[in-house]
Amino acid sequence: MPSPRTLRQLAGAPAQPPPLTDCAVVVVDAQREYLDGGLPLPQVDAAVQQIARVMDAARSAGAPVIHVAHRGVAGGLFDPGAGGRIIGAVAPEGDETIVQKTLPNAFAHTDLRTDVAALDDPHLILCGFMTHMCISSTARAAVDLGLATTVLHDACATRDLPDPTGGGVVAHDVLHRTALSGLADRFSIVTDTATLLAAVG
């Protein structure tokens, strides 16, 4: 049998993102809940390091950086004064935009679409947490809004989940790869931070 091909490959869609100067970096839910709060993620430290790398490169290139933060309630997950705080290593600088959301899709009931439109709809570089949840939901919604995205697979992470089809556990690395494979089929370019930054020089 022939090797499988994605719908993007069959359609001749771009396999690499444009130069970083034509992009905006959207950092989704890089919050302490995933670092040392109620939802600590395997591989979160490595992902945060890659997020910091792409943010630094974007700032140097003059590309916008937009921060999306899930807004929880006091005493619960993503409490604004606790787990909802943005991780210090990837905190906003200067007048960088911060978008507060309450749903997995970062465009839902937020100003993100307006903020992106104000930048003339650049290609969006998505990174952050969790791969199967808010990254996937945001990338899928972007297609409906006419926006192109790239997901940096090494700048995202997720967690183990119970397997609803018969018990056991879906391991975080399996869930991560599966979510990315679904996105790469139709919705996003999927690449790593080094490949993106290699084009910067």
N, C-alpha and C. Protein backbone atom coordinates (compact mmCIF):
# COMPACT_ATOMS: atom_id res chain seq x y z
N MET A 1 0.83 -1.20 0.00
CA MET A 1 0.00 0.00 0.00
C MET A 1 0.87 1.25 0.00
N PRO A 2 0.41 2.31 -0.67
CA PRO A 2 1.20 3.55 -0.68
C PRO A 2 1.24 4.17 0.71
N SER A 3 2.27 4.96 0.95
CA SER A 3 2.37 5.67 2.22
C SER A 3 1.23 6.67 2.35
N PRO A 4 0.69 6.83 3.56
CA PRO A 4 -0.41 7.78 3.73
C PRO A 4 0.04 9.21 3.47
N ARG A 5 -0.87 10.02 2.97
CA ARG A 5 -0.60 11.43 2.73
C ARG A 5 -1.71 12.24 3.38
N THR A 6 -1.36 13.42 3.84
CA THR A 6 -2.35 14.28 4.45
C THR A 6 -3.20 14.96 3.38
N LEU A 7 -4.34 15.46 3.80
CA LEU A 7 -5.16 16.25 2.89
C LEU A 7 -4.42 17.50 2.42
N ARG A 8 -3.60 18.07 3.31
CA ARG A 8 -2.81 19.23 2.92
C ARG A 8 -1.82 18.86 1.81
N GLN A 9 -1.18 17.70 1.93
CA GLN A 9 -0.25 17.26 0.89
C GLN A 9 -0.99 17.03 -0.43
N LEU A 10 -2.14 16.40 -0.35
CA LEU A 10 -2.90 16.12 -1.57
C LEU A 10 -3.36 17.40 -2.26
N ALA A 11 -3.59 18.45 -1.46
CA ALA A 11 -4.03 19.73 -2.01
C ALA A 11 -2.88 20.63 -2.42
N GLY A 12 -1.64 20.20 -2.15
CA GLY A 12 -0.48 21.02 -2.48
C GLY A 12 -0.31 22.23 -1.58
N ALA A 13 -0.81 22.13 -0.35
CA ALA A 13 -0.70 23.24 0.60
C ALA A 13 0.74 23.40 1.06
N PRO A 14 1.13 24.60 1.49
CA PRO A 14 2.51 24.82 1.94
C PRO A 14 2.90 23.86 3.07
N ALA A 15 4.14 23.39 3.02
CA ALA A 15 4.64 22.48 4.05
C ALA A 15 5.46 23.20 5.11
N GLN A 16 5.82 24.46 4.84
CA GLN A 16 6.61 25.24 5.78
C GLN A 16 5.95 26.59 5.99
N PRO A 17 6.08 27.16 7.18
CA PRO A 17 5.51 28.48 7.42
C PRO A 17 6.29 29.56 6.68
N PRO A 18 5.69 30.73 6.52
CA PRO A 18 6.41 31.85 5.91
C PRO A 18 7.47 32.38 6.86
N PRO A 19 8.28 33.33 6.43
CA PRO A 19 9.27 33.93 7.33
C PRO A 19 8.60 34.49 8.58
N LEU A 20 9.34 34.48 9.67
CA LEU A 20 8.79 34.92 10.96
C LEU A 20 8.29 36.36 10.89
N THR A 21 8.88 37.17 10.04
CA THR A 21 8.44 38.56 9.91
C THR A 21 7.03 38.67 9.34
N ASP A 22 6.52 37.59 8.74
CA ASP A 22 5.16 37.57 8.21
C ASP A 22 4.20 36.83 9.12
N CYS A 23 4.63 36.60 10.35
CA CYS A 23 3.86 35.80 11.30
C CYS A 23 3.55 36.59 12.57
N ALA A 24 2.63 36.06 13.34
CA ALA A 24 2.42 36.48 14.72
C ALA A 24 2.47 35.22 15.58
N VAL A 25 3.17 35.30 16.68
CA VAL A 25 3.26 34.17 17.61
C VAL A 25 2.12 34.28 18.62
N VAL A 26 1.34 33.22 18.73
CA VAL A 26 0.23 33.18 19.68
C VAL A 26 0.56 32.11 20.72
N VAL A 27 0.82 32.55 21.94
CA VAL A 27 1.17 31.65 23.04
C VAL A 27 -0.09 31.37 23.83
N VAL A 28 -0.54 30.13 23.82
CA VAL A 28 -1.83 29.75 24.40
C VAL A 28 -1.62 29.09 25.77
N ASP A 29 -2.16 29.71 26.79
CA ASP A 29 -2.28 29.11 28.13
C ASP A 29 -0.93 28.64 28.71
N ALA A 30 0.09 29.44 28.55
CA ALA A 30 1.38 29.12 29.19
C ALA A 30 1.31 29.59 30.64
N GLN A 31 0.53 28.87 31.42
CA GLN A 31 0.18 29.28 32.77
C GLN A 31 0.67 28.29 33.82
N ARG A 32 0.78 28.78 35.05
CA ARG A 32 1.40 27.99 36.11
C ARG A 32 0.60 26.74 36.47
N GLU A 33 -0.68 26.70 36.14
CA GLU A 33 -1.47 25.50 36.41
C GLU A 33 -0.82 24.28 35.81
N TYR A 34 -0.18 24.47 34.64
CA TYR A 34 0.45 23.36 33.95
C TYR A 34 1.88 23.11 34.40
N LEU A 35 2.43 24.02 35.16
CA LEU A 35 3.81 23.90 35.63
C LEU A 35 3.88 23.31 37.03
N ASP A 36 3.22 23.96 37.97
CA ASP A 36 3.27 23.48 39.35
C ASP A 36 1.91 23.60 40.04
N GLY A 37 0.84 23.60 39.24
CA GLY A 37 -0.50 23.70 39.78
C GLY A 37 -1.23 22.37 39.76
N GLY A 38 -2.52 22.43 39.50
CA GLY A 38 -3.34 21.23 39.56
C GLY A 38 -3.26 20.34 38.34
N LEU A 39 -2.66 20.82 37.25
CA LEU A 39 -2.57 20.05 36.01
C LEU A 39 -1.13 20.03 35.48
N PRO A 40 -0.17 19.59 36.29
CA PRO A 40 1.21 19.58 35.80
C PRO A 40 1.36 18.62 34.61
N LEU A 41 2.05 19.09 33.59
CA LEU A 41 2.18 18.32 32.35
C LEU A 41 3.56 17.70 32.23
N PRO A 42 3.63 16.44 31.82
CA PRO A 42 4.93 15.88 31.44
C PRO A 42 5.51 16.72 30.28
N GLN A 43 6.79 16.93 30.29
CA GLN A 43 7.49 17.67 29.23
C GLN A 43 7.19 19.16 29.21
N VAL A 44 6.56 19.68 30.27
CA VAL A 44 6.22 21.10 30.25
C VAL A 44 7.46 21.98 30.25
N ASP A 45 8.48 21.60 31.00
CA ASP A 45 9.69 22.43 31.07
C ASP A 45 10.36 22.55 29.71
N ALA A 46 10.45 21.44 28.98
CA ALA A 46 11.06 21.47 27.65
C ALA A 46 10.24 22.34 26.71
N ALA A 47 8.91 22.24 26.80
CA ALA A 47 8.06 23.05 25.93
C ALA A 47 8.20 24.53 26.25
N VAL A 48 8.26 24.87 27.52
CA VAL A 48 8.42 26.28 27.92
C VAL A 48 9.72 26.84 27.37
N GLN A 49 10.79 26.05 27.38
CA GLN A 49 12.06 26.51 26.82
C GLN A 49 11.91 26.85 25.34
N GLN A 50 11.17 26.03 24.60
CA GLN A 50 10.99 26.29 23.17
C GLN A 50 10.08 27.50 22.94
N ILE A 51 9.05 27.65 23.78
CA ILE A 51 8.20 28.83 23.67
C ILE A 51 9.03 30.09 23.87
N ALA A 52 9.90 30.07 24.88
CA ALA A 52 10.75 31.23 25.14
C ALA A 52 11.66 31.52 23.94
N ARG A 53 12.17 30.48 23.30
CA ARG A 53 13.04 30.67 22.12
C ARG A 53 12.29 31.36 20.99
N VAL A 54 11.08 30.89 20.70
CA VAL A 54 10.35 31.49 19.57
C VAL A 54 9.86 32.89 19.92
N MET A 55 9.54 33.15 21.17
CA MET A 55 9.16 34.50 21.57
C MET A 55 10.33 35.46 21.41
N ASP A 56 11.51 35.04 21.84
CA ASP A 56 12.70 35.89 21.70
C ASP A 56 12.98 36.19 20.23
N ALA A 57 12.87 35.16 19.39
CA ALA A 57 13.12 35.35 17.96
C ALA A 57 12.09 36.28 17.34
N ALA A 58 10.84 36.12 17.74
CA ALA A 58 9.79 36.99 17.20
C ALA A 58 10.04 38.44 17.59
N ARG A 59 10.38 38.67 18.84
CA ARG A 59 10.65 40.04 19.29
C ARG A 59 11.82 40.64 18.52
N SER A 60 12.85 39.84 18.31
CA SER A 60 14.02 40.34 17.57
C SER A 60 13.66 40.66 16.12
N ALA A 61 12.73 39.89 15.55
CA ALA A 61 12.33 40.08 14.16
C ALA A 61 11.24 41.14 14.00
N GLY A 62 10.74 41.63 15.12
CA GLY A 62 9.65 42.60 15.06
C GLY A 62 8.30 41.99 14.80
N ALA A 63 8.19 40.67 15.01
CA ALA A 63 6.90 39.99 14.82
C ALA A 63 6.08 40.08 16.10
N PRO A 64 4.78 40.27 15.99
CA PRO A 64 3.95 40.39 17.18
C PRO A 64 3.90 39.10 18.00
N VAL A 65 3.79 39.25 19.30
CA VAL A 65 3.56 38.13 20.21
C VAL A 65 2.26 38.41 20.95
N ILE A 66 1.34 37.46 20.87
CA ILE A 66 0.05 37.57 21.55
C ILE A 66 -0.04 36.47 22.60
N HIS A 67 -0.43 36.84 23.80
CA HIS A 67 -0.55 35.88 24.89
C HIS A 67 -2.02 35.61 25.16
N VAL A 68 -2.39 34.34 25.19
CA VAL A 68 -3.75 33.93 25.53
C VAL A 68 -3.69 33.24 26.88
N ALA A 69 -4.56 33.65 27.80
CA ALA A 69 -4.57 33.08 29.14
C ALA A 69 -5.99 32.64 29.50
N HIS A 70 -6.11 31.41 29.97
CA HIS A 70 -7.42 30.93 30.41
C HIS A 70 -7.75 31.56 31.75
N ARG A 71 -8.94 32.09 31.85
CA ARG A 71 -9.36 32.76 33.08
C ARG A 71 -10.30 31.85 33.87
N GLY A 72 -9.80 31.38 35.02
CA GLY A 72 -10.61 30.56 35.90
C GLY A 72 -11.27 31.41 36.98
N VAL A 73 -11.69 30.73 38.03
CA VAL A 73 -12.33 31.42 39.15
C VAL A 73 -11.47 31.26 40.39
N ALA A 74 -11.62 32.18 41.31
CA ALA A 74 -10.85 32.13 42.56
C ALA A 74 -11.09 30.80 43.27
N GLY A 75 -10.00 30.16 43.65
CA GLY A 75 -10.08 28.89 44.35
C GLY A 75 -10.17 27.67 43.46
N GLY A 76 -10.31 27.85 42.14
CA GLY A 76 -10.41 26.74 41.21
C GLY A 76 -9.21 26.68 40.29
N LEU A 77 -9.33 25.85 39.28
CA LEU A 77 -8.28 25.78 38.27
C LEU A 77 -8.15 27.12 37.56
N PHE A 78 -6.93 27.51 37.27
CA PHE A 78 -6.62 28.78 36.60
C PHE A 78 -7.11 29.99 37.39
N ASP A 79 -7.07 29.86 38.70
CA ASP A 79 -7.31 31.01 39.59
C ASP A 79 -6.37 32.13 39.15
N PRO A 80 -6.91 33.32 38.83
CA PRO A 80 -6.05 34.40 38.33
C PRO A 80 -4.89 34.76 39.25
N GLY A 81 -5.03 34.49 40.53
CA GLY A 81 -3.96 34.81 41.47
C GLY A 81 -3.04 33.65 41.78
N ALA A 82 -3.28 32.51 41.15
CA ALA A 82 -2.48 31.31 41.44
C ALA A 82 -2.14 30.61 40.13
N GLY A 83 -2.83 29.49 39.84
CA GLY A 83 -2.53 28.72 38.63
C GLY A 83 -2.78 29.45 37.34
N GLY A 84 -3.57 30.52 37.38
CA GLY A 84 -3.84 31.28 36.17
C GLY A 84 -2.75 32.25 35.79
N ARG A 85 -1.75 32.42 36.62
CA ARG A 85 -0.66 33.35 36.29
C ARG A 85 0.19 32.79 35.15
N ILE A 86 0.62 33.67 34.27
CA ILE A 86 1.50 33.26 33.17
C ILE A 86 2.87 32.89 33.71
N ILE A 87 3.44 31.83 33.19
CA ILE A 87 4.76 31.36 33.62
C ILE A 87 5.80 32.46 33.37
N GLY A 88 6.62 32.72 34.37
CA GLY A 88 7.55 33.84 34.31
C GLY A 88 8.48 33.82 33.12
N ALA A 89 8.94 32.63 32.73
CA ALA A 89 9.91 32.53 31.63
C ALA A 89 9.33 32.94 30.29
N VAL A 90 7.99 32.97 30.19
CA VAL A 90 7.35 33.34 28.92
C VAL A 90 6.32 34.46 29.15
N ALA A 91 6.61 35.31 30.11
CA ALA A 91 5.69 36.40 30.45
C ALA A 91 5.68 37.47 29.37
N PRO A 92 4.58 38.18 29.24
CA PRO A 92 4.52 39.29 28.27
C PRO A 92 5.54 40.38 28.58
N GLU A 93 5.96 41.06 27.54
CA GLU A 93 6.85 42.21 27.69
C GLU A 93 6.22 43.42 27.01
N GLY A 94 6.49 44.60 27.57
CA GLY A 94 6.02 45.84 26.96
C GLY A 94 4.52 45.87 26.79
N ASP A 95 4.08 46.20 25.57
CA ASP A 95 2.65 46.34 25.30
C ASP A 95 2.10 45.13 24.55
N GLU A 96 2.72 43.97 24.70
CA GLU A 96 2.22 42.77 24.03
C GLU A 96 0.79 42.46 24.48
N THR A 97 -0.02 42.06 23.53
CA THR A 97 -1.44 41.82 23.77
C THR A 97 -1.66 40.59 24.64
N ILE A 98 -2.56 40.70 25.59
CA ILE A 98 -2.99 39.58 26.42
C ILE A 98 -4.49 39.39 26.20
N VAL A 99 -4.87 38.19 25.81
CA VAL A 99 -6.26 37.85 25.56
C VAL A 99 -6.72 36.89 26.65
N GLN A 100 -7.82 37.21 27.32
CA GLN A 100 -8.39 36.34 28.34
C GLN A 100 -9.50 35.51 27.72
N LYS A 101 -9.47 34.22 27.97
CA LYS A 101 -10.51 33.34 27.42
C LYS A 101 -11.11 32.46 28.51
N THR A 102 -12.27 31.89 28.20
CA THR A 102 -12.92 30.98 29.14
C THR A 102 -13.28 29.65 28.48
N LEU A 103 -12.98 29.50 27.19
CA LEU A 103 -13.27 28.28 26.44
C LEU A 103 -12.00 27.79 25.75
N PRO A 104 -11.96 26.52 25.33
CA PRO A 104 -10.74 26.01 24.69
C PRO A 104 -10.33 26.78 23.45
N ASN A 105 -11.27 27.15 22.61
CA ASN A 105 -10.99 27.91 21.40
C ASN A 105 -10.68 29.35 21.78
N ALA A 106 -9.46 29.78 21.51
CA ALA A 106 -9.03 31.13 21.92
C ALA A 106 -9.75 32.24 21.17
N PHE A 107 -10.46 31.91 20.10
CA PHE A 107 -11.23 32.91 19.37
C PHE A 107 -12.64 33.09 19.92
N ALA A 108 -13.10 32.13 20.73
CA ALA A 108 -14.49 32.13 21.17
C ALA A 108 -14.73 33.18 22.26
N HIS A 109 -15.57 34.15 21.94
CA HIS A 109 -15.97 35.19 22.90
C HIS A 109 -14.76 35.98 23.43
N THR A 110 -13.77 36.18 22.56
CA THR A 110 -12.61 36.99 22.90
C THR A 110 -12.37 38.01 21.79
N ASP A 111 -11.37 38.85 21.98
CA ASP A 111 -10.98 39.84 20.97
C ASP A 111 -9.86 39.34 20.06
N LEU A 112 -9.52 38.05 20.13
CA LEU A 112 -8.37 37.57 19.38
C LEU A 112 -8.54 37.78 17.88
N ARG A 113 -9.73 37.51 17.34
CA ARG A 113 -9.90 37.69 15.90
C ARG A 113 -9.70 39.15 15.50
N THR A 114 -10.20 40.07 16.32
CA THR A 114 -10.02 41.50 16.05
C THR A 114 -8.56 41.89 16.14
N ASP A 115 -7.86 41.35 17.15
CA ASP A 115 -6.45 41.65 17.33
C ASP A 115 -5.63 41.17 16.14
N VAL A 116 -5.95 39.98 15.63
CA VAL A 116 -5.23 39.43 14.48
C VAL A 116 -5.56 40.23 13.22
N ALA A 117 -6.81 40.62 13.07
CA ALA A 117 -7.20 41.43 11.91
C ALA A 117 -6.46 42.76 11.89
N ALA A 118 -6.24 43.33 13.07
CA ALA A 118 -5.54 44.61 13.16
C ALA A 118 -4.08 44.48 12.69
N LEU A 119 -3.57 43.26 12.68
CA LEU A 119 -2.21 43.00 12.20
C LEU A 119 -2.19 42.57 10.74
N ASP A 120 -3.33 42.70 10.05
CA ASP A 120 -3.48 42.30 8.65
C ASP A 120 -3.41 40.79 8.46
N ASP A 121 -3.95 40.07 9.43
CA ASP A 121 -4.10 38.61 9.34
C ASP A 121 -2.80 37.89 8.98
N PRO A 122 -1.78 38.02 9.82
CA PRO A 122 -0.54 37.29 9.55
C PRO A 122 -0.74 35.79 9.76
N HIS A 123 0.20 35.02 9.29
CA HIS A 123 0.26 33.59 9.58
C HIS A 123 0.48 33.44 11.09
N LEU A 124 -0.27 32.57 11.72
CA LEU A 124 -0.19 32.43 13.18
C LEU A 124 0.67 31.23 13.56
N ILE A 125 1.63 31.48 14.43
CA ILE A 125 2.45 30.42 15.01
C ILE A 125 1.88 30.10 16.38
N LEU A 126 1.32 28.90 16.54
CA LEU A 126 0.68 28.51 17.78
C LEU A 126 1.60 27.63 18.62
N CYS A 127 1.65 27.95 19.91
CA CYS A 127 2.38 27.12 20.85
C CYS A 127 1.72 27.25 22.22
N GLY A 128 2.00 26.30 23.10
CA GLY A 128 1.41 26.36 24.43
C GLY A 128 0.71 25.07 24.81
N PHE A 129 -0.36 25.19 25.56
CA PHE A 129 -0.94 24.03 26.23
C PHE A 129 -2.47 24.06 26.16
N MET A 130 -3.13 22.93 26.21
CA MET A 130 -2.63 21.60 25.96
C MET A 130 -2.83 21.26 24.49
N THR A 131 -1.97 20.39 23.98
CA THR A 131 -1.99 20.07 22.56
C THR A 131 -3.37 19.62 22.09
N HIS A 132 -3.96 18.69 22.81
CA HIS A 132 -5.22 18.09 22.36
C HIS A 132 -6.42 18.98 22.63
N MET A 133 -6.25 20.00 23.44
CA MET A 133 -7.38 20.80 23.90
C MET A 133 -7.35 22.19 23.25
N CYS A 134 -6.68 23.14 23.88
CA CYS A 134 -6.77 24.53 23.42
C CYS A 134 -5.96 24.80 22.16
N ILE A 135 -4.83 24.12 21.99
CA ILE A 135 -4.09 24.27 20.74
C ILE A 135 -4.91 23.73 19.58
N SER A 136 -5.43 22.52 19.72
CA SER A 136 -6.23 21.92 18.66
C SER A 136 -7.49 22.74 18.37
N SER A 137 -8.20 23.15 19.42
CA SER A 137 -9.44 23.91 19.22
C SER A 137 -9.18 25.23 18.51
N THR A 138 -8.10 25.89 18.87
CA THR A 138 -7.77 27.19 18.28
C THR A 138 -7.33 27.04 16.83
N ALA A 139 -6.51 26.03 16.55
CA ALA A 139 -6.06 25.80 15.17
C ALA A 139 -7.23 25.45 14.26
N ARG A 140 -8.14 24.65 14.75
CA ARG A 140 -9.30 24.26 13.94
C ARG A 140 -10.22 25.45 13.69
N ALA A 141 -10.42 26.27 14.72
CA ALA A 141 -11.26 27.46 14.56
C ALA A 141 -10.62 28.44 13.58
N ALA A 142 -9.30 28.52 13.58
CA ALA A 142 -8.62 29.46 12.68
C ALA A 142 -8.96 29.18 11.23
N VAL A 143 -9.06 27.91 10.86
CA VAL A 143 -9.41 27.56 9.48
C VAL A 143 -10.78 28.13 9.13
N ASP A 144 -11.73 28.00 10.04
CA ASP A 144 -13.07 28.53 9.79
C ASP A 144 -13.06 30.05 9.62
N LEU A 145 -12.07 30.69 10.22
CA LEU A 145 -11.96 32.15 10.16
C LEU A 145 -11.06 32.63 9.03
N GLY A 146 -10.59 31.70 8.21
CA GLY A 146 -9.77 32.07 7.06
C GLY A 146 -8.32 32.36 7.40
N LEU A 147 -7.84 31.84 8.52
CA LEU A 147 -6.48 32.11 8.98
C LEU A 147 -5.61 30.87 8.82
N ALA A 148 -4.35 31.09 8.49
CA ALA A 148 -3.38 29.99 8.37
C ALA A 148 -2.56 29.89 9.64
N THR A 149 -2.25 28.65 10.03
CA THR A 149 -1.52 28.44 11.28
C THR A 149 -0.41 27.42 11.11
N THR A 150 0.58 27.57 11.98
CA THR A 150 1.61 26.55 12.19
C THR A 150 1.60 26.22 13.67
N VAL A 151 1.68 24.94 14.00
CA VAL A 151 1.80 24.50 15.39
C VAL A 151 3.22 23.97 15.59
N LEU A 152 3.88 24.47 16.61
CA LEU A 152 5.23 24.01 16.96
C LEU A 152 5.12 22.84 17.92
N HIS A 153 5.41 21.65 17.43
CA HIS A 153 5.12 20.46 18.23
C HIS A 153 5.98 20.34 19.48
N ASP A 154 7.19 20.90 19.44
CA ASP A 154 8.05 20.80 20.63
C ASP A 154 7.82 21.96 21.59
N ALA A 155 6.93 22.87 21.24
CA ALA A 155 6.57 23.99 22.11
C ALA A 155 5.14 23.83 22.62
N CYS A 156 4.67 22.58 22.63
CA CYS A 156 3.36 22.22 23.16
C CYS A 156 3.53 20.97 24.03
N ALA A 157 2.53 20.69 24.84
CA ALA A 157 2.54 19.47 25.65
C ALA A 157 1.12 19.19 26.09
N THR A 158 0.92 17.94 26.52
CA THR A 158 -0.39 17.56 27.06
C THR A 158 -0.18 16.52 28.16
N ARG A 159 -1.27 15.90 28.62
CA ARG A 159 -1.20 15.01 29.77
C ARG A 159 -1.83 13.67 29.45
N ASP A 160 -1.60 12.67 30.31
CA ASP A 160 -2.28 11.39 30.18
C ASP A 160 -3.78 11.58 30.38
N LEU A 161 -4.56 10.76 29.66
CA LEU A 161 -6.01 10.78 29.82
C LEU A 161 -6.53 9.35 29.95
N PRO A 162 -7.66 9.17 30.65
CA PRO A 162 -8.28 7.84 30.65
C PRO A 162 -8.80 7.49 29.26
N ASP A 163 -8.66 6.23 28.89
CA ASP A 163 -9.13 5.76 27.59
C ASP A 163 -10.62 5.44 27.69
N PRO A 164 -11.47 6.18 26.97
CA PRO A 164 -12.91 5.96 27.10
C PRO A 164 -13.42 4.77 26.31
N THR A 165 -12.54 4.10 25.54
CA THR A 165 -13.01 3.02 24.66
C THR A 165 -12.85 1.64 25.28
N GLY A 166 -12.37 1.57 26.51
CA GLY A 166 -12.24 0.25 27.11
C GLY A 166 -11.28 0.17 28.26
N GLY A 167 -11.07 1.29 28.92
CA GLY A 167 -10.20 1.27 30.07
C GLY A 167 -8.76 1.56 29.72
N GLY A 168 -7.95 1.64 30.74
CA GLY A 168 -6.55 1.95 30.54
C GLY A 168 -6.33 3.45 30.40
N VAL A 169 -5.15 3.77 29.91
CA VAL A 169 -4.72 5.16 29.83
C VAL A 169 -4.17 5.44 28.44
N VAL A 170 -4.52 6.60 27.90
CA VAL A 170 -3.86 7.11 26.69
C VAL A 170 -2.69 7.96 27.16
N ALA A 171 -1.49 7.51 26.91
CA ALA A 171 -0.30 8.21 27.39
C ALA A 171 -0.15 9.57 26.74
N HIS A 172 0.43 10.50 27.49
CA HIS A 172 0.53 11.88 27.01
C HIS A 172 1.25 11.99 25.67
N ASP A 173 2.29 11.19 25.47
CA ASP A 173 3.03 11.30 24.22
C ASP A 173 2.21 10.78 23.04
N VAL A 174 1.43 9.75 23.27
CA VAL A 174 0.55 9.23 22.23
C VAL A 174 -0.54 10.25 21.90
N LEU A 175 -1.14 10.83 22.93
CA LEU A 175 -2.18 11.83 22.73
C LEU A 175 -1.63 13.06 22.00
N HIS A 176 -0.42 13.46 22.38
CA HIS A 176 0.25 14.60 21.74
C HIS A 176 0.43 14.34 20.24
N ARG A 177 1.00 13.20 19.89
CA ARG A 177 1.24 12.88 18.48
C ARG A 177 -0.07 12.72 17.70
N THR A 178 -1.06 12.13 18.34
CA THR A 178 -2.34 11.94 17.67
C THR A 178 -3.02 13.27 17.39
N ALA A 179 -3.02 14.17 18.37
CA ALA A 179 -3.61 15.49 18.17
C ALA A 179 -2.90 16.25 17.06
N LEU A 180 -1.58 16.18 17.04
CA LEU A 180 -0.80 16.86 16.01
C LEU A 180 -1.05 16.25 14.63
N SER A 181 -1.20 14.92 14.58
CA SER A 181 -1.47 14.27 13.30
C SER A 181 -2.80 14.73 12.73
N GLY A 182 -3.80 14.87 13.59
CA GLY A 182 -5.09 15.36 13.13
C GLY A 182 -5.00 16.78 12.60
N LEU A 183 -4.24 17.62 13.28
CA LEU A 183 -4.07 18.99 12.81
C LEU A 183 -3.30 19.04 11.50
N ALA A 184 -2.26 18.24 11.39
CA ALA A 184 -1.42 18.25 10.18
C ALA A 184 -2.18 17.73 8.97
N ASP A 185 -3.21 16.94 9.17
CA ASP A 185 -3.96 16.40 8.04
C ASP A 185 -4.65 17.51 7.26
N ARG A 186 -5.23 18.48 7.97
CA ARG A 186 -6.02 19.50 7.27
C ARG A 186 -5.82 20.92 7.77
N PHE A 187 -5.52 21.08 9.06
CA PHE A 187 -5.69 22.38 9.68
C PHE A 187 -4.43 23.23 9.77
N SER A 188 -3.29 22.65 9.99
CA SER A 188 -2.08 23.41 10.29
C SER A 188 -0.84 22.78 9.68
N ILE A 189 0.15 23.61 9.44
CA ILE A 189 1.52 23.12 9.30
C ILE A 189 1.98 22.72 10.69
N VAL A 190 2.63 21.58 10.80
CA VAL A 190 3.20 21.16 12.09
C VAL A 190 4.69 21.00 11.89
N THR A 191 5.45 21.73 12.68
CA THR A 191 6.91 21.68 12.59
C THR A 191 7.49 21.92 13.98
N ASP A 192 8.81 22.02 14.06
CA ASP A 192 9.44 22.26 15.36
C ASP A 192 10.08 23.64 15.39
N THR A 193 10.47 24.05 16.57
CA THR A 193 10.99 25.39 16.75
C THR A 193 12.27 25.61 15.95
N ALA A 194 13.17 24.62 15.95
CA ALA A 194 14.44 24.78 15.25
C ALA A 194 14.22 25.02 13.76
N THR A 195 13.28 24.29 13.17
CA THR A 195 13.00 24.44 11.74
C THR A 195 12.45 25.84 11.45
N LEU A 196 11.55 26.30 12.30
CA LEU A 196 11.00 27.65 12.12
C LEU A 196 12.10 28.70 12.21
N LEU A 197 12.96 28.57 13.22
CA LEU A 197 13.98 29.60 13.46
C LEU A 197 15.16 29.51 12.50
N ALA A 198 15.34 28.35 11.87
CA ALA A 198 16.44 28.22 10.91
C ALA A 198 16.28 29.19 9.75
N ALA A 199 15.05 29.50 9.41
CA ALA A 199 14.81 30.43 8.32
C ALA A 199 15.09 31.87 8.71
N VAL A 200 15.19 32.11 10.01
CA VAL A 200 15.46 33.47 10.49
C VAL A 200 16.93 33.81 10.31
N GLY A 201 17.76 32.76 10.48
CA GLY A 201 19.19 32.99 10.34
C GLY A 201 19.88 33.21 11.67
